[in-house]
Each structure stands twice: as C-alpha cells, then as structure tokens.
Amino acid sequence: MSLINDLVQGVVDGVLKDILKKPSSTSKRTRRRKRTTSTTSSATLRQIEKLLRPAKKQTSRKRTVRSRSKARRSS
C-alpha cells in the first residue's frame, strides 16, 4: 500500500506544482480597435475620390401588376 500511496502522492504534488506555477490571468487579451486617422487632408481626399467615381447604373425594376395592366389598356 505504501508504494501506491507514494505514487499517488507524487502525482498529486506534481499537478499542484503545475497549477501553482501557471500565471494568474489565463484569459485571452481583448483586441484593441485600430484608430482611424481623421486628418482633414485624408478626409477631403476621400470626398474627392468619391466624386470622381463613375455613377452606378440603375438596375432594372420588375414591372408591377398595375403598370402591366395600364400598358395593356393603352395598346
């Protein structure tokens, strides 16, 4: 029995030492947001680039029931 007790005691001691050795804060650190540079020159440059972009084409819309019936009546 003393051999088993010594073995169990050794394992328990090893585990306790490992637990006590670990740092206290094991949680992950939260990521910080990157701050955007809000300089006036970059803001005006962004606005100018927005104005220079070509306009988006209008997407075709599906005809409603009312518009279809109007077209049918007029023809």
PDB file of N, CA and C in Angstrom:
ATOM      1  N   MET A   1       0.819  -1.199   0.000  1.00  0.00           N
ATOM      2  CA  MET A   1       0.000   0.000   0.000  1.00  0.00           C
ATOM      3  C   MET A   1       0.855   1.252   0.000  1.00  0.00           C
ATOM      4  N   SER A   2       2.008   1.186   0.660  1.00  0.00           N
ATOM      5  CA  SER A   2       2.850   2.383   0.748  1.00  0.00           C
ATOM      6  C   SER A   2       3.383   2.773  -0.634  1.00  0.00           C
ATOM      7  N   LEU A   3       3.602   1.775  -1.509  1.00  0.00           N
ATOM      8  CA  LEU A   3       4.081   2.062  -2.862  1.00  0.00           C
ATOM      9  C   LEU A   3       3.025   2.831  -3.643  1.00  0.00           C
ATOM     10  N   ILE A   4       1.762   2.401  -3.535  1.00  0.00           N
ATOM     11  CA  ILE A   4       0.650   3.077  -4.227  1.00  0.00           C
ATOM     12  C   ILE A   4       0.452   4.480  -3.653  1.00  0.00           C
ATOM     13  N   ASN A   5       0.529   4.603  -2.318  1.00  0.00           N
ATOM     14  CA  ASN A   5       0.383   5.917  -1.676  1.00  0.00           C
ATOM     15  C   ASN A   5       1.479   6.878  -2.141  1.00  0.00           C
ATOM     16  N   ASP A   6       2.726   6.383  -2.224  1.00  0.00           N
ATOM     17  CA  ASP A   6       3.835   7.220  -2.677  1.00  0.00           C
ATOM     18  C   ASP A   6       3.628   7.671  -4.124  1.00  0.00           C
ATOM     19  N   LEU A   7       3.140   6.743  -4.965  1.00  0.00           N
ATOM     20  CA  LEU A   7       2.896   7.060  -6.372  1.00  0.00           C
ATOM     21  C   LEU A   7       1.815   8.126  -6.515  1.00  0.00           C
ATOM     22  N   VAL A   8       0.693   7.935  -5.805  1.00  0.00           N
ATOM     23  CA  VAL A   8      -0.416   8.895  -5.858  1.00  0.00           C
ATOM     24  C   VAL A   8       0.035  10.238  -5.293  1.00  0.00           C
ATOM     25  N   GLN A   9       0.775  10.220  -4.199  1.00  0.00           N
ATOM     26  CA  GLN A   9       1.254  11.464  -3.578  1.00  0.00           C
ATOM     27  C   GLN A   9       2.176  12.227  -4.534  1.00  0.00           C
ATOM     28  N   GLY A  10       3.026  11.497  -5.257  1.00  0.00           N
ATOM     29  CA  GLY A  10       3.937  12.129  -6.221  1.00  0.00           C
ATOM     30  C   GLY A  10       3.175  12.797  -7.361  1.00  0.00           C
ATOM     31  N   VAL A  11       2.140  12.096  -7.871  1.00  0.00           N
ATOM     32  CA  VAL A  11       1.327  12.643  -8.956  1.00  0.00           C
ATOM     33  C   VAL A  11       0.583  13.892  -8.489  1.00  0.00           C
ATOM     34  N   VAL A  12      -0.015  13.842  -7.298  1.00  0.00           N
ATOM     35  CA  VAL A  12      -0.763  14.971  -6.757  1.00  0.00           C
ATOM     36  C   VAL A  12       0.164  16.171  -6.549  1.00  0.00           C
ATOM     37  N   ASP A  13       1.343  15.932  -6.010  1.00  0.00           N
ATOM     38  CA  ASP A  13       2.308  17.013  -5.793  1.00  0.00           C
ATOM     39  C   ASP A  13       2.713  17.653  -7.123  1.00  0.00           C
ATOM     40  N   GLY A  14       2.953  16.830  -8.136  1.00  0.00           N
ATOM     41  CA  GLY A  14       3.338  17.355  -9.454  1.00  0.00           C
ATOM     42  C   GLY A  14       2.246  18.222 -10.069  1.00  0.00           C
ATOM     43  N   VAL A  15       1.001  17.763  -9.952  1.00  0.00           N
ATOM     44  CA  VAL A  15      -0.131  18.512 -10.510  1.00  0.00           C
ATOM     45  C   VAL A  15      -0.310  19.839  -9.778  1.00  0.00           C
ATOM     46  N   LEU A  16      -0.202  19.805  -8.454  1.00  0.00           N
ATOM     47  CA  LEU A  16      -0.348  21.038  -7.672  1.00  0.00           C
ATOM     48  C   LEU A  16       0.746  22.042  -8.011  1.00  0.00           C
ATOM     49  N   LYS A  17       1.983  21.565  -8.212  1.00  0.00           N
ATOM     50  CA  LYS A  17       3.068  22.464  -8.576  1.00  0.00           C
ATOM     51  C   LYS A  17       2.807  23.104  -9.940  1.00  0.00           C
ATOM     52  N   ASP A  18       2.295  22.309 -10.898  1.00  0.00           N
ATOM     53  CA  ASP A  18       1.976  22.853 -12.222  1.00  0.00           C
ATOM     54  C   ASP A  18       0.892  23.918 -12.138  1.00  0.00           C
ATOM     55  N   ILE A  19      -0.129  23.660 -11.343  1.00  0.00           N
ATOM     56  CA  ILE A  19      -1.237  24.607 -11.218  1.00  0.00           C
ATOM     57  C   ILE A  19      -0.754  25.909 -10.590  1.00  0.00           C
ATOM     58  N   LEU A  20       0.069  25.801  -9.551  1.00  0.00           N
ATOM     59  CA  LEU A  20       0.552  26.994  -8.861  1.00  0.00           C
ATOM     60  C   LEU A  20       1.586  27.764  -9.685  1.00  0.00           C
ATOM     61  N   LYS A  21       2.259  27.092 -10.607  1.00  0.00           N
ATOM     62  CA  LYS A  21       3.288  27.718 -11.429  1.00  0.00           C
ATOM     63  C   LYS A  21       2.674  28.595 -12.526  1.00  0.00           C
ATOM     64  N   LYS A  22       1.460  28.253 -12.990  1.00  0.00           N
ATOM     65  CA  LYS A  22       0.830  28.963 -14.098  1.00  0.00           C
ATOM     66  C   LYS A  22       0.498  30.395 -13.702  1.00  0.00           C
ATOM     67  N   PRO A  23       0.540  31.325 -14.667  1.00  0.00           N
ATOM     68  CA  PRO A  23       0.189  32.716 -14.356  1.00  0.00           C
ATOM     69  C   PRO A  23      -1.280  32.834 -13.973  1.00  0.00           C
ATOM     70  N   SER A  24      -1.586  33.877 -13.214  1.00  0.00           N
ATOM     71  CA  SER A  24      -2.952  34.016 -12.694  1.00  0.00           C
ATOM     72  C   SER A  24      -3.954  34.370 -13.774  1.00  0.00           C
ATOM     73  N   SER A  25      -3.549  35.156 -14.785  1.00  0.00           N
ATOM     74  CA  SER A  25      -4.503  35.563 -15.829  1.00  0.00           C
ATOM     75  C   SER A  25      -4.302  34.694 -17.058  1.00  0.00           C
ATOM     76  N   THR A  26      -5.171  33.705 -17.226  1.00  0.00           N
ATOM     77  CA  THR A  26      -5.069  32.815 -18.382  1.00  0.00           C
ATOM     78  C   THR A  26      -6.041  33.212 -19.485  1.00  0.00           C
ATOM     79  N   SER A  27      -6.882  34.250 -19.231  1.00  0.00           N
ATOM     80  CA  SER A  27      -7.866  34.642 -20.243  1.00  0.00           C
ATOM     81  C   SER A  27      -7.177  35.384 -21.372  1.00  0.00           C
ATOM     82  N   LYS A  28      -7.775  35.293 -22.568  1.00  0.00           N
ATOM     83  CA  LYS A  28      -7.200  35.950 -23.735  1.00  0.00           C
ATOM     84  C   LYS A  28      -7.392  37.456 -23.639  1.00  0.00           C
ATOM     85  N   ARG A  29      -6.426  38.179 -24.128  1.00  0.00           N
ATOM     86  CA  ARG A  29      -6.499  39.638 -24.124  1.00  0.00           C
ATOM     87  C   ARG A  29      -7.399  40.099 -25.257  1.00  0.00           C
ATOM     88  N   THR A  30      -8.254  41.061 -24.970  1.00  0.00           N
ATOM     89  CA  THR A  30      -9.169  41.551 -25.996  1.00  0.00           C
ATOM     90  C   THR A  30      -8.402  42.397 -26.999  1.00  0.00           C
ATOM     91  N   ARG A  31      -8.809  42.314 -28.248  1.00  0.00           N
ATOM     92  CA  ARG A  31      -8.144  43.081 -29.292  1.00  0.00           C
ATOM     93  C   ARG A  31      -8.561  44.541 -29.221  1.00  0.00           C
ATOM     94  N   ARG A  32      -7.593  45.413 -29.414  1.00  0.00           N
ATOM     95  CA  ARG A  32      -7.893  46.833 -29.445  1.00  0.00           C
ATOM     96  C   ARG A  32      -8.213  47.249 -30.855  1.00  0.00           C
ATOM     97  N   ARG A  33      -9.174  48.168 -30.983  1.00  0.00           N
ATOM     98  CA  ARG A  33      -9.526  48.668 -32.310  1.00  0.00           C
ATOM     99  C   ARG A  33      -8.453  49.606 -32.817  1.00  0.00           C
ATOM    100  N   LYS A  34      -8.209  49.541 -34.106  1.00  0.00           N
ATOM    101  CA  LYS A  34      -7.259  50.462 -34.708  1.00  0.00           C
ATOM    102  C   LYS A  34      -7.964  51.803 -34.893  1.00  0.00           C
ATOM    103  N   ARG A  35      -7.299  52.839 -34.474  1.00  0.00           N
ATOM    104  CA  ARG A  35      -7.882  54.172 -34.626  1.00  0.00           C
ATOM    105  C   ARG A  35      -7.701  54.646 -36.056  1.00  0.00           C
ATOM    106  N   THR A  36      -8.755  55.182 -36.627  1.00  0.00           N
ATOM    107  CA  THR A  36      -8.657  55.713 -37.979  1.00  0.00           C
ATOM    108  C   THR A  36      -8.061  57.109 -37.910  1.00  0.00           C
ATOM    109  N   THR A  37      -7.226  57.399 -38.878  1.00  0.00           N
ATOM    110  CA  THR A  37      -6.615  58.720 -38.905  1.00  0.00           C
ATOM    111  C   THR A  37      -7.642  59.707 -39.441  1.00  0.00           C
ATOM    112  N   SER A  38      -8.038  60.635 -38.613  1.00  0.00           N
ATOM    113  CA  SER A  38      -9.081  61.585 -39.001  1.00  0.00           C
ATOM    114  C   SER A  38      -8.471  62.941 -39.312  1.00  0.00           C
ATOM    115  N   THR A  39      -7.439  62.930 -40.150  1.00  0.00           N
ATOM    116  CA  THR A  39      -6.847  64.199 -40.541  1.00  0.00           C
ATOM    117  C   THR A  39      -7.704  64.822 -41.630  1.00  0.00           C
ATOM    118  N   THR A  40      -7.685  66.127 -41.706  1.00  0.00           N
ATOM    119  CA  THR A  40      -8.553  66.828 -42.659  1.00  0.00           C
ATOM    120  C   THR A  40      -8.133  66.565 -44.094  1.00  0.00           C
ATOM    121  N   SER A  41      -6.834  66.392 -44.330  1.00  0.00           N
ATOM    122  CA  SER A  41      -6.372  66.172 -45.704  1.00  0.00           C
ATOM    123  C   SER A  41      -6.858  64.827 -46.239  1.00  0.00           C
ATOM    124  N   SER A  42      -6.819  63.789 -45.385  1.00  0.00           N
ATOM    125  CA  SER A  42      -7.270  62.482 -45.848  1.00  0.00           C
ATOM    126  C   SER A  42      -8.788  62.453 -46.027  1.00  0.00           C
ATOM    127  N   ALA A  43      -9.513  63.210 -45.184  1.00  0.00           N
ATOM    128  CA  ALA A  43     -10.965  63.257 -45.305  1.00  0.00           C
ATOM    129  C   ALA A  43     -11.375  63.951 -46.600  1.00  0.00           C
ATOM    130  N   THR A  44     -10.720  65.052 -46.926  1.00  0.00           N
ATOM    131  CA  THR A  44     -11.053  65.762 -48.172  1.00  0.00           C
ATOM    132  C   THR A  44     -10.652  64.935 -49.382  1.00  0.00           C
ATOM    133  N   LEU A  45      -9.526  64.235 -49.289  1.00  0.00           N
ATOM    134  CA  LEU A  45      -9.091  63.375 -50.387  1.00  0.00           C
ATOM    135  C   LEU A  45     -10.108  62.272 -50.642  1.00  0.00           C
ATOM    136  N   ARG A  46     -10.651  61.702 -49.554  1.00  0.00           N
ATOM    137  CA  ARG A  46     -11.661  60.650 -49.674  1.00  0.00           C
ATOM    138  C   ARG A  46     -12.926  61.182 -50.348  1.00  0.00           C
ATOM    139  N   GLN A  47     -13.322  62.407 -50.006  1.00  0.00           N
ATOM    140  CA  GLN A  47     -14.512  63.006 -50.617  1.00  0.00           C
ATOM    141  C   GLN A  47     -14.298  63.260 -52.100  1.00  0.00           C
ATOM    142  N   ILE A  48     -13.107  63.717 -52.471  1.00  0.00           N
ATOM    143  CA  ILE A  48     -12.799  63.974 -53.883  1.00  0.00           C
ATOM    144  C   ILE A  48     -12.826  62.677 -54.674  1.00  0.00           C
ATOM    145  N   GLU A  49     -12.256  61.604 -54.096  1.00  0.00           N
ATOM    146  CA  GLU A  49     -12.266  60.303 -54.777  1.00  0.00           C
ATOM    147  C   GLU A  49     -13.686  59.797 -54.970  1.00  0.00           C
ATOM    148  N   LYS A  50     -14.543  60.073 -53.997  1.00  0.00           N
ATOM    149  CA  LYS A  50     -15.937  59.657 -54.090  1.00  0.00           C
ATOM    150  C   LYS A  50     -16.639  60.370 -55.241  1.00  0.00           C
ATOM    151  N   LEU A  51     -16.339  61.664 -55.425  1.00  0.00           N
ATOM    152  CA  LEU A  51     -16.948  62.436 -56.505  1.00  0.00           C
ATOM    153  C   LEU A  51     -16.440  61.993 -57.874  1.00  0.00           C
ATOM    154  N   LEU A  52     -15.213  61.530 -57.941  1.00  0.00           N
ATOM    155  CA  LEU A  52     -14.621  61.133 -59.218  1.00  0.00           C
ATOM    156  C   LEU A  52     -15.063  59.750 -59.681  1.00  0.00           C
ATOM    157  N   ARG A  53     -15.597  58.961 -58.764  1.00  0.00           N
ATOM    158  CA  ARG A  53     -16.054  57.613 -59.144  1.00  0.00           C
ATOM    159  C   ARG A  53     -17.224  57.698 -60.115  1.00  0.00           C
ATOM    160  N   PRO A  54     -17.276  56.795 -61.096  1.00  0.00           N
ATOM    161  CA  PRO A  54     -18.407  56.819 -62.026  1.00  0.00           C
ATOM    162  C   PRO A  54     -19.703  56.428 -61.327  1.00  0.00           C
ATOM    163  N   ALA A  55     -20.810  57.007 -61.803  1.00  0.00           N
ATOM    164  CA  ALA A  55     -22.108  56.732 -61.187  1.00  0.00           C
ATOM    165  C   ALA A  55     -22.515  55.300 -61.466  1.00  0.00           C
ATOM    166  N   LYS A  56     -23.206  54.706 -60.502  1.00  0.00           N
ATOM    167  CA  LYS A  56     -23.675  53.334 -60.680  1.00  0.00           C
ATOM    168  C   LYS A  56     -24.853  53.316 -61.640  1.00  0.00           C
ATOM    169  N   LYS A  57     -24.904  52.279 -62.468  1.00  0.00           N
ATOM    170  CA  LYS A  57     -26.015  52.156 -63.403  1.00  0.00           C
ATOM    171  C   LYS A  57     -27.276  51.755 -62.663  1.00  0.00           C
ATOM    172  N   GLN A  58     -28.391  52.257 -63.136  1.00  0.00           N
ATOM    173  CA  GLN A  58     -29.659  51.944 -62.487  1.00  0.00           C
ATOM    174  C   GLN A  58     -30.061  50.520 -62.830  1.00  0.00           C
ATOM    175  N   THR A  59     -30.464  49.775 -61.831  1.00  0.00           N
ATOM    176  CA  THR A  59     -30.887  48.395 -62.068  1.00  0.00           C
ATOM    177  C   THR A  59     -32.327  48.397 -62.553  1.00  0.00           C
ATOM    178  N   SER A  60     -32.638  47.460 -63.418  1.00  0.00           N
ATOM    179  CA  SER A  60     -33.999  47.400 -63.954  1.00  0.00           C
ATOM    180  C   SER A  60     -34.934  46.858 -62.890  1.00  0.00           C
ATOM    181  N   ARG A  61     -36.085  47.518 -62.749  1.00  0.00           N
ATOM    182  CA  ARG A  61     -37.046  47.076 -61.741  1.00  0.00           C
ATOM    183  C   ARG A  61     -38.131  46.240 -62.386  1.00  0.00           C
ATOM    184  N   LYS A  62     -38.604  45.270 -61.654  1.00  0.00           N
ATOM    185  CA  LYS A  62     -39.663  44.395 -62.161  1.00  0.00           C
ATOM    186  C   LYS A  62     -40.956  45.184 -62.248  1.00  0.00           C
ATOM    187  N   ARG A  63     -41.701  45.003 -63.338  1.00  0.00           N
ATOM    188  CA  ARG A  63     -42.963  45.720 -63.520  1.00  0.00           C
ATOM    189  C   ARG A  63     -43.994  45.252 -62.503  1.00  0.00           C
ATOM    190  N   THR A  64     -44.736  46.192 -61.962  1.00  0.00           N
ATOM    191  CA  THR A  64     -45.792  45.829 -61.023  1.00  0.00           C
ATOM    192  C   THR A  64     -47.036  45.422 -61.804  1.00  0.00           C
ATOM    193  N   VAL A  65     -47.969  44.839 -61.126  1.00  0.00           N
ATOM    194  CA  VAL A  65     -49.217  44.395 -61.759  1.00  0.00           C
ATOM    195  C   VAL A  65     -49.961  45.596 -62.326  1.00  0.00           C
ATOM    196  N   ARG A  66     -49.972  46.708 -61.581  1.00  0.00           N
ATOM    197  CA  ARG A  66     -50.692  47.906 -62.016  1.00  0.00           C
ATOM    198  C   ARG A  66     -50.100  48.462 -63.307  1.00  0.00           C
ATOM    199  N   SER A  67     -48.776  48.538 -63.395  1.00  0.00           N
ATOM    200  CA  SER A  67     -48.146  49.096 -64.597  1.00  0.00           C
ATOM    201  C   SER A  67     -48.365  48.183 -65.797  1.00  0.00           C
ATOM    202  N   ARG A  68     -48.407  46.877 -65.583  1.00  0.00           N
ATOM    203  CA  ARG A  68     -48.659  45.955 -66.695  1.00  0.00           C
ATOM    204  C   ARG A  68     -50.074  46.121 -67.228  1.00  0.00           C
ATOM    205  N   SER A  69     -51.025  46.299 -66.312  1.00  0.00           N
ATOM    206  CA  SER A  69     -52.414  46.441 -66.768  1.00  0.00           C
ATOM    207  C   SER A  69     -52.615  47.777 -67.495  1.00  0.00           C
ATOM    208  N   LYS A  70     -51.928  48.831 -67.054  1.00  0.00           N
ATOM    209  CA  LYS A  70     -52.004  50.116 -67.753  1.00  0.00           C
ATOM    210  C   LYS A  70     -51.479  50.001 -69.165  1.00  0.00           C
ATOM    211  N   ALA A  71     -50.370  49.290 -69.342  1.00  0.00           N
ATOM    212  CA  ALA A  71     -49.777  49.119 -70.670  1.00  0.00           C
ATOM    213  C   ALA A  71     -50.712  48.308 -71.555  1.00  0.00           C
ATOM    214  N   ARG A  72     -51.384  47.343 -70.986  1.00  0.00           N
ATOM    215  CA  ARG A  72     -52.311  46.501 -71.739  1.00  0.00           C
ATOM    216  C   ARG A  72     -53.527  47.312 -72.177  1.00  0.00           C
ATOM    217  N   ARG A  73     -54.020  48.202 -71.284  1.00  0.00           N
ATOM    218  CA  ARG A  73     -55.189  49.014 -71.604  1.00  0.00           C
ATOM    219  C   ARG A  73     -54.887  50.022 -72.698  1.00  0.00           C
ATOM    220  N   SER A  74     -53.714  50.620 -72.666  1.00  0.00           N
ATOM    221  CA  SER A  74     -53.396  51.685 -73.632  1.00  0.00           C
ATOM    222  C   SER A  74     -53.139  51.140 -75.023  1.00  0.00           C
ATOM    223  N   SER A  75     -52.759  49.873 -75.166  1.00  0.00           N
ATOM    224  CA  SER A  75     -52.468  49.355 -76.507  1.00  0.00           C
ATOM    225  C   SER A  75     -53.705  48.847 -77.222  1.00  0.00           C
TER     226      SER A  75
END
